[in-house]
C-alpha atoms as a PDB file:
ATOM      1  CA  UNK A   1       3.068   0.418  13.316  1.00  0.00           C
ATOM      2  CA  UNK A   2       5.241  -3.169  14.417  1.00  0.00           C
ATOM      3  CA  UNK A   3       7.709  -4.307  11.613  1.00  0.00           C
ATOM      4  CA  UNK A   4       7.013  -1.699   9.345  1.00  0.00           C
ATOM      5  CA  UNK A   5      10.359  -1.429   8.230  1.00  0.00           C
ATOM      6  CA  UNK A   6      11.012  -5.006   7.925  1.00  0.00           C
ATOM      7  CA  UNK A   7       7.953  -5.297   5.343  1.00  0.00           C
ATOM      8  CA  UNK A   8       9.517  -2.640   3.299  1.00  0.00           C
ATOM      9  CA  UNK A   9      12.871  -4.387   3.131  1.00  0.00           C
ATOM     10  CA  UNK A  10      11.530  -7.615   2.299  1.00  0.00           C
ATOM     11  CA  UNK A  11       9.511  -6.057  -0.532  1.00  0.00           C
ATOM     12  CA  UNK A  12      12.681  -4.076  -2.264  1.00  0.00           C
ATOM     13  CA  UNK A  13      14.942  -7.327  -2.074  1.00  0.00           C
ATOM     14  CA  UNK A  14      11.948  -8.910  -4.134  1.00  0.00           C
ATOM     15  CA  UNK A  15      11.958  -6.212  -6.223  1.00  0.00           C
ATOM     16  CA  UNK A  16      15.677  -6.713  -7.004  1.00  0.00           C
ATOM     17  CA  UNK A  17      15.354 -10.307  -6.902  1.00  0.00           C
ATOM     18  CA  UNK A  18      12.671 -10.796  -9.405  1.00  0.00           C
ATOM     19  CA  UNK A  19      12.960  -7.162 -11.734  1.00  0.00           C
ATOM     20  CA  UNK A  20      16.802  -5.333 -11.492  1.00  0.00           C
ATOM     21  CA  UNK A  21      17.723  -2.518  -9.853  1.00  0.00           C
ATOM     22  CA  UNK A  22      16.380  -0.209 -12.520  1.00  0.00           C
ATOM     23  CA  UNK A  23      12.209  -0.505 -11.798  1.00  0.00           C
ATOM     24  CA  UNK A  24       9.669   0.902 -13.811  1.00  0.00           C
ATOM     25  CA  UNK A  25       6.953   1.071 -10.095  1.00  0.00           C
ATOM     26  CA  UNK A  26       3.752   1.826  -9.687  1.00  0.00           C
ATOM     27  CA  UNK A  27       3.175   2.805  -6.038  1.00  0.00           C
ATOM     28  CA  UNK A  28      -0.332   1.526  -5.479  1.00  0.00           C
ATOM     29  CA  UNK A  29      -2.396   3.606  -2.842  1.00  0.00           C
ATOM     30  CA  UNK A  30       0.716   5.852  -2.045  1.00  0.00           C
ATOM     31  CA  UNK A  31       0.588   7.788   0.560  1.00  0.00           C
ATOM     32  CA  UNK A  32       2.620  10.448   1.284  1.00  0.00           C
ATOM     33  CA  UNK A  33       5.389   8.344  -0.397  1.00  0.00           C
ATOM     34  CA  UNK A  34       6.470   6.013   2.163  1.00  0.00           C
ATOM     35  CA  UNK A  35       7.653   2.845  -0.627  1.00  0.00           C
ATOM     36  CA  UNK A  36       8.911   5.700  -3.300  1.00  0.00           C
ATOM     37  CA  UNK A  37      11.145   7.449  -0.421  1.00  0.00           C
ATOM     38  CA  UNK A  38      12.885   3.611   0.388  1.00  0.00           C
ATOM     39  CA  UNK A  39      12.441   2.640  -3.341  1.00  0.00           C
ATOM     40  CA  UNK A  40      14.546   5.332  -4.475  1.00  0.00           C
ATOM     41  CA  UNK A  41      17.649   4.827  -1.591  1.00  0.00           C
ATOM     42  CA  UNK A  42      17.457   1.399  -2.410  1.00  0.00           C
ATOM     43  CA  UNK A  43      17.611   1.674  -6.108  1.00  0.00           C
ATOM     44  CA  UNK A  44      18.423   5.233  -7.410  1.00  0.00           C
ATOM     45  CA  UNK A  45      17.763   4.835 -11.210  1.00  0.00           C
ATOM     46  CA  UNK A  46      14.155   3.479 -10.470  1.00  0.00           C
ATOM     47  CA  UNK A  47      10.970   5.808 -11.325  1.00  0.00           C
ATOM     48  CA  UNK A  48       7.688   5.392  -9.390  1.00  0.00           C
ATOM     49  CA  UNK A  49       3.996   6.561 -10.583  1.00  0.00           C
ATOM     50  CA  UNK A  50       2.390   7.139  -7.226  1.00  0.00           C
ATOM     51  CA  UNK A  51      -1.126   6.893  -7.714  1.00  0.00           C
ATOM     52  CA  UNK A  52      -3.784   8.046  -4.504  1.00  0.00           C
ATOM     53  CA  UNK A  53      -7.537   9.680  -3.666  1.00  0.00           C
ATOM     54  CA  UNK A  54      -6.498  11.176  -0.313  1.00  0.00           C
ATOM     55  CA  UNK A  55      -5.427  14.847  -1.119  1.00  0.00           C
ATOM     56  CA  UNK A  56      -3.857  15.808   2.429  1.00  0.00           C
ATOM     57  CA  UNK A  57      -1.613  12.916   1.684  1.00  0.00           C
ATOM     58  CA  UNK A  58      -0.955  13.716  -1.858  1.00  0.00           C
ATOM     59  CA  UNK A  59       0.211  16.588  -1.120  1.00  0.00           C
ATOM     60  CA  UNK A  60       2.237  15.669   1.468  1.00  0.00           C
ATOM     61  CA  UNK A  61       3.897  13.272  -1.590  1.00  0.00           C
ATOM     62  CA  UNK A  62       4.005  16.283  -3.704  1.00  0.00           C
ATOM     63  CA  UNK A  63       5.568  18.552  -1.699  1.00  0.00           C
ATOM     64  CA  UNK A  64       8.368  16.158  -0.484  1.00  0.00           C
ATOM     65  CA  UNK A  65       9.595  14.708  -3.920  1.00  0.00           C
ATOM     66  CA  UNK A  66       8.935  18.581  -5.702  1.00  0.00           C
ATOM     67  CA  UNK A  67      11.298  18.431  -8.217  1.00  0.00           C
ATOM     68  CA  UNK A  68      12.486  14.820  -8.633  1.00  0.00           C
ATOM     69  CA  UNK A  69      11.771  13.682 -12.254  1.00  0.00           C
ATOM     70  CA  UNK A  70      12.002  10.034 -11.067  1.00  0.00           C
ATOM     71  CA  UNK A  71       8.251  10.497  -8.957  1.00  0.00           C
ATOM     72  CA  UNK A  72       4.753  11.644 -10.654  1.00  0.00           C
ATOM     73  CA  UNK A  73       1.349  11.371  -9.217  1.00  0.00           C
ATOM     74  CA  UNK A  74      -2.019  10.925  -9.872  1.00  0.00           C
ATOM     75  CA  UNK A  75      -5.235  11.022  -8.570  1.00  0.00           C
ATOM     76  CA  UNK A  76      -7.449   8.364  -8.978  1.00  0.00           C
ATOM     77  CA  UNK A  77      -9.911   6.280  -7.384  1.00  0.00           C
ATOM     78  CA  UNK A  78      -9.017   2.737  -7.126  1.00  0.00           C
ATOM     79  CA  UNK A  79     -12.789   1.478  -7.368  1.00  0.00           C
ATOM     80  CA  UNK A  80     -13.522   3.528 -10.715  1.00  0.00           C
ATOM     81  CA  UNK A  81     -13.107   1.411 -13.582  1.00  0.00           C
ATOM     82  CA  UNK A  82     -11.068   3.443 -15.778  1.00  0.00           C
ATOM     83  CA  UNK A  83      -8.625   4.534 -13.387  1.00  0.00           C
ATOM     84  CA  UNK A  84      -5.671   2.886 -15.019  1.00  0.00           C
ATOM     85  CA  UNK A  85      -6.280   4.881 -17.915  1.00  0.00           C
ATOM     86  CA  UNK A  86      -4.631   7.914 -16.067  1.00  0.00           C
ATOM     87  CA  UNK A  87      -1.623   5.909 -15.633  1.00  0.00           C
ATOM     88  CA  UNK A  88       1.879   7.576 -17.420  1.00  0.00           C
ATOM     89  CA  UNK A  89       2.996   4.063 -18.560  1.00  0.00           C
ATOM     90  CA  UNK A  90       0.482   0.882 -19.803  1.00  0.00           C
ATOM     91  CA  UNK A  91       2.544  -1.447 -18.204  1.00  0.00           C
ATOM     92  CA  UNK A  92       5.166  -1.476 -14.801  1.00  0.00           C
ATOM     93  CA  UNK A  93       7.930  -3.868 -13.365  1.00  0.00           C
ATOM     94  CA  UNK A  94       6.607  -4.049 -10.261  1.00  0.00           C
ATOM     95  CA  UNK A  95       2.807  -2.588  -8.265  1.00  0.00           C
ATOM     96  CA  UNK A  96       3.908  -2.482  -4.617  1.00  0.00           C
ATOM     97  CA  UNK A  97       1.520  -1.275  -1.789  1.00  0.00           C
ATOM     98  CA  UNK A  98       1.418  -1.309   2.188  1.00  0.00           C
ATOM     99  CA  UNK A  99      -1.656  -1.026   4.825  1.00  0.00           C
ATOM    100  CA  UNK A 100      -4.019   0.356   2.341  1.00  0.00           C
ATOM    101  CA  UNK A 101      -5.781  -2.161   0.305  1.00  0.00           C
ATOM    102  CA  UNK A 102      -7.670  -3.449   3.414  1.00  0.00           C
ATOM    103  CA  UNK A 103      -9.958  -0.471   3.107  1.00  0.00           C
ATOM    104  CA  UNK A 104     -11.555  -2.818   0.132  1.00  0.00           C
ATOM    105  CA  UNK A 105     -14.139  -5.202   0.729  1.00  0.00           C
ATOM    106  CA  UNK A 106     -13.407  -8.510  -1.433  1.00  0.00           C
ATOM    107  CA  UNK A 107     -15.265  -8.290  -4.342  1.00  0.00           C
ATOM    108  CA  UNK A 108     -13.582  -4.295  -5.365  1.00  0.00           C
ATOM    109  CA  UNK A 109     -10.661  -5.794  -4.539  1.00  0.00           C
ATOM    110  CA  UNK A 110     -11.477  -8.699  -6.708  1.00  0.00           C
ATOM    111  CA  UNK A 111     -11.761  -6.926  -9.308  1.00  0.00           C
ATOM    112  CA  UNK A 112      -8.683  -4.569  -8.879  1.00  0.00           C
ATOM    113  CA  UNK A 113      -6.543  -8.004  -8.836  1.00  0.00           C
ATOM    114  CA  UNK A 114      -7.810  -8.206 -12.062  1.00  0.00           C
ATOM    115  CA  UNK A 115      -7.180  -4.746 -13.219  1.00  0.00           C
ATOM    116  CA  UNK A 116      -3.306  -4.825 -12.172  1.00  0.00           C
ATOM    117  CA  UNK A 117      -3.010  -7.919 -13.923  1.00  0.00           C
ATOM    118  CA  UNK A 118      -2.817  -5.852 -17.032  1.00  0.00           C
ATOM    119  CA  UNK A 119      -0.759  -3.479 -14.953  1.00  0.00           C
ATOM    120  CA  UNK A 120       2.197  -5.963 -14.120  1.00  0.00           C
ATOM    121  CA  UNK A 121       4.351  -6.863 -17.524  1.00  0.00           C
ATOM    122  CA  UNK A 122       5.168 -10.949 -17.965  1.00  0.00           C
ATOM    123  CA  UNK A 123       7.740 -11.446 -15.858  1.00  0.00           C
ATOM    124  CA  UNK A 124       6.936  -8.459 -13.139  1.00  0.00           C
ATOM    125  CA  UNK A 125       5.526  -8.493  -9.346  1.00  0.00           C
ATOM    126  CA  UNK A 126       2.913  -7.325  -7.371  1.00  0.00           C
ATOM    127  CA  UNK A 127       3.414  -7.346  -3.674  1.00  0.00           C
ATOM    128  CA  UNK A 128       0.552  -6.242  -0.913  1.00  0.00           C
ATOM    129  CA  UNK A 129       1.878  -6.177   2.650  1.00  0.00           C
ATOM    130  CA  UNK A 130      -1.345  -5.745   4.979  1.00  0.00           C
ATOM    131  CA  UNK A 131      -3.596  -7.041   7.148  1.00  0.00           C
ATOM    132  CA  UNK A 132      -4.474 -10.204   6.129  1.00  0.00           C
ATOM    133  CA  UNK A 133      -6.577 -12.381   9.072  1.00  0.00           C
ATOM    134  CA  UNK A 134      -7.141 -15.853   9.367  1.00  0.00           C
ATOM    135  CA  UNK A 135     -10.789 -16.593  10.241  1.00  0.00           C
ATOM    136  CA  UNK A 136      -9.986 -19.775  10.894  1.00  0.00           C
ATOM    137  CA  UNK A 137      -7.454 -19.201  14.238  1.00  0.00           C
ATOM    138  CA  UNK A 138      -9.898 -16.961  16.069  1.00  0.00           C
ATOM    139  CA  UNK A 139      -7.994 -17.249  19.006  1.00  0.00           C
ATOM    140  CA  UNK A 140      -4.377 -16.947  17.476  1.00  0.00           C
ATOM    141  CA  UNK A 141      -5.773 -13.973  16.077  1.00  0.00           C
ATOM    142  CA  UNK A 142      -7.106 -12.324  19.630  1.00  0.00           C
ATOM    143  CA  UNK A 143      -3.723 -12.197  20.957  1.00  0.00           C
ATOM    144  CA  UNK A 144      -2.223 -11.129  18.200  1.00  0.00           C
ATOM    145  CA  UNK A 145      -4.410  -8.149  18.563  1.00  0.00           C
ATOM    146  CA  UNK A 146      -3.745  -7.476  22.299  1.00  0.00           C
ATOM    147  CA  UNK A 147      -0.044  -7.661  21.715  1.00  0.00           C
ATOM    148  CA  UNK A 148      -0.084  -5.375  18.789  1.00  0.00           C
ATOM    149  CA  UNK A 149      -2.111  -2.751  21.011  1.00  0.00           C
ATOM    150  CA  UNK A 150      -0.148  -3.090  23.559  1.00  0.00           C
ATOM    151  CA  UNK A 151       2.770  -2.374  21.283  1.00  0.00           C
ATOM    152  CA  UNK A 152       0.971   0.592  19.792  1.00  0.00           C
ATOM    153  CA  UNK A 153       0.228   1.587  22.914  1.00  0.00           C
ATOM    154  CA  UNK A 154       3.429   1.914  24.233  1.00  0.00           C
ATOM    155  CA  UNK A 155       4.800   3.979  21.460  1.00  0.00           C
ATOM    156  CA  UNK A 156       2.162   6.271  22.067  1.00  0.00           C
ATOM    157  CA  UNK A 157       2.904   6.507  25.756  1.00  0.00           C
ATOM    158  CA  UNK A 158       6.720   7.378  24.255  1.00  0.00           C
ATOM    159  CA  UNK A 159       4.652   9.968  22.003  1.00  0.00           C
ATOM    160  CA  UNK A 160       3.963   8.583  18.582  1.00  0.00           C
ATOM    161  CA  UNK A 161       1.369  10.152  17.352  1.00  0.00           C
ATOM    162  CA  UNK A 162      -1.687   8.098  16.559  1.00  0.00           C
ATOM    163  CA  UNK A 163      -4.348   7.788  13.699  1.00  0.00           C
ATOM    164  CA  UNK A 164      -6.628  10.619  15.240  1.00  0.00           C
ATOM    165  CA  UNK A 165      -3.777  12.687  17.059  1.00  0.00           C
ATOM    166  CA  UNK A 166      -2.085  12.970  13.385  1.00  0.00           C
ATOM    167  CA  UNK A 167      -5.275  14.203  11.446  1.00  0.00           C
ATOM    168  CA  UNK A 168      -6.204  16.782  14.031  1.00  0.00           C
ATOM    169  CA  UNK A 169      -2.733  18.172  13.662  1.00  0.00           C
ATOM    170  CA  UNK A 170      -3.355  18.255  10.270  1.00  0.00           C
ATOM    171  CA  UNK A 171      -6.834  19.701  10.058  1.00  0.00           C
ATOM    172  CA  UNK A 172      -4.973  22.618  11.850  1.00  0.00           C
ATOM    173  CA  UNK A 173      -1.682  22.559   9.798  1.00  0.00           C
ATOM    174  CA  UNK A 174      -1.815  26.166   7.411  1.00  0.00           C
ATOM    175  CA  UNK A 175      -0.956  24.080   3.681  1.00  0.00           C
ATOM    176  CA  UNK A 176      -2.884  20.905   4.769  1.00  0.00           C
ATOM    177  CA  UNK A 177      -6.323  21.801   6.111  1.00  0.00           C
ATOM    178  CA  UNK A 178      -8.116  22.638   3.223  1.00  0.00           C
ATOM    179  CA  UNK A 179      -6.651  19.003   1.522  1.00  0.00           C
ATOM    180  CA  UNK A 180      -7.566  17.607   4.994  1.00  0.00           C
ATOM    181  CA  UNK A 181     -11.275  18.586   4.565  1.00  0.00           C
ATOM    182  CA  UNK A 182     -11.124  17.226   1.676  1.00  0.00           C
ATOM    183  CA  UNK A 183     -10.159  13.997   2.587  1.00  0.00           C
ATOM    184  CA  UNK A 184     -13.031  13.550   5.118  1.00  0.00           C
ATOM    185  CA  UNK A 185     -15.485  14.732   2.311  1.00  0.00           C
ATOM    186  CA  UNK A 186     -14.505  11.646   0.300  1.00  0.00           C
ATOM    187  CA  UNK A 187     -13.323   9.172   3.083  1.00  0.00           C
ATOM    188  CA  UNK A 188     -15.287  10.132   5.931  1.00  0.00           C
ATOM    189  CA  UNK A 189     -13.831   8.329   9.062  1.00  0.00           C
ATOM    190  CA  UNK A 190     -11.380   5.493   8.601  1.00  0.00           C
ATOM    191  CA  UNK A 191     -13.534   2.334   7.172  1.00  0.00           C
ATOM    192  CA  UNK A 192     -12.035  -1.057   7.068  1.00  0.00           C
ATOM    193  CA  UNK A 193     -12.819  -3.632   4.406  1.00  0.00           C
ATOM    194  CA  UNK A 194     -12.856  -7.339   5.331  1.00  0.00           C
ATOM    195  CA  UNK A 195      -9.581  -8.489   5.235  1.00  0.00           C
ATOM    196  CA  UNK A 196      -9.496 -11.387   4.171  1.00  0.00           C
ATOM    197  CA  UNK A 197      -6.860 -14.125   4.750  1.00  0.00           C
ATOM    198  CA  UNK A 198      -3.548 -14.832   2.913  1.00  0.00           C
ATOM    199  CA  UNK A 199      -4.902 -18.038   1.287  1.00  0.00           C
ATOM    200  CA  UNK A 200      -8.369 -15.739  -0.439  1.00  0.00           C
ATOM    201  CA  UNK A 201      -5.369 -13.672  -1.482  1.00  0.00           C
ATOM    202  CA  UNK A 202      -2.892 -15.712  -3.495  1.00  0.00           C
ATOM    203  CA  UNK A 203      -6.101 -17.672  -5.503  1.00  0.00           C
ATOM    204  CA  UNK A 204      -7.298 -14.497  -6.205  1.00  0.00           C
ATOM    205  CA  UNK A 205      -4.514 -13.201  -7.678  1.00  0.00           C
ATOM    206  CA  UNK A 206      -3.741 -16.565  -9.231  1.00  0.00           C
ATOM    207  CA  UNK A 207      -7.263 -16.402 -10.874  1.00  0.00           C
ATOM    208  CA  UNK A 208      -7.070 -12.794 -11.781  1.00  0.00           C
ATOM    209  CA  UNK A 209      -3.966 -13.886 -14.229  1.00  0.00           C
ATOM    210  CA  UNK A 210      -0.749 -14.378 -11.823  1.00  0.00           C
ATOM    211  CA  UNK A 211       1.450 -17.254 -12.506  1.00  0.00           C
ATOM    212  CA  UNK A 212       2.008 -17.465  -9.413  1.00  0.00           C
ATOM    213  CA  UNK A 213       1.532 -15.973  -5.258  1.00  0.00           C
ATOM    214  CA  UNK A 214       2.221 -16.850  -1.873  1.00  0.00           C
ATOM    215  CA  UNK A 215       3.424 -15.513   1.211  1.00  0.00           C
ATOM    216  CA  UNK A 216       6.950 -14.271   1.203  1.00  0.00           C
ATOM    217  CA  UNK A 217       6.976 -12.310   4.426  1.00  0.00           C
ATOM    218  CA  UNK A 218       4.479 -12.447   7.627  1.00  0.00           C
ATOM    219  CA  UNK A 219       4.694 -10.585  11.055  1.00  0.00           C
ATOM    220  CA  UNK A 220       1.838 -11.818  13.431  1.00  0.00           C
ATOM    221  CA  UNK A 221      -0.426  -9.010  12.434  1.00  0.00           C
ATOM    222  CA  UNK A 222       0.618  -8.233   8.666  1.00  0.00           C
ATOM    223  CA  UNK A 223       1.303 -10.321   5.547  1.00  0.00           C
ATOM    224  CA  UNK A 224       3.518  -9.830   2.624  1.00  0.00           C
ATOM    225  CA  UNK A 225       1.890 -11.690  -0.741  1.00  0.00           C
ATOM    226  CA  UNK A 226       4.074 -11.079  -3.568  1.00  0.00           C
ATOM    227  CA  UNK A 227       2.344 -12.168  -6.803  1.00  0.00           C
ATOM    228  CA  UNK A 228       4.331 -13.093 -10.161  1.00  0.00           C
ATOM    229  CA  UNK A 229       2.807 -12.422 -13.426  1.00  0.00           C
END
């Protein structure tokens, strides 16, 4: 994924600047724990709660962080109105997520933002690094998509696995085969949500109860949106 590490760097820069070096973090739609891994490298005294529904990705995350008392995982559906009740803490210094919430359509995403306003403490932050598309710029969007896919095609030609090939391998793995079958029962094939604009995200977060919200980093394809409680 182009610019992947850069978005994580800026995300953690802002965590340090706004909530300090020992944050309690909610890694939202955590997948294999990519954010948590970088968080603990950068801030060894941080703690993290990873939340996801995907049994295959959670199997990887739980195995990778096995024995690390700074990390806990929760299986929850973010579209479930009661998902926050499963969290071990009522509030967090920071809620972080990347390339995950585009799976949600605008209405459930707005509902989720309202829930997160109650999860983030006063003075805490929420950051979402994801695909955010401005529908008013169709020619720019088309050029960006072509350039991004050219980069990904080049990476695949150099040996990187794409989405389909990665899951095909997971389905054959003795540990991941069962969880992978379950994840397809839950999700089916990859399904994108609405991918609204950065402006929509900022306005929706402010309406949900965050004091400030704006982009703090952007690539041609993605935006890191930061909201301050």
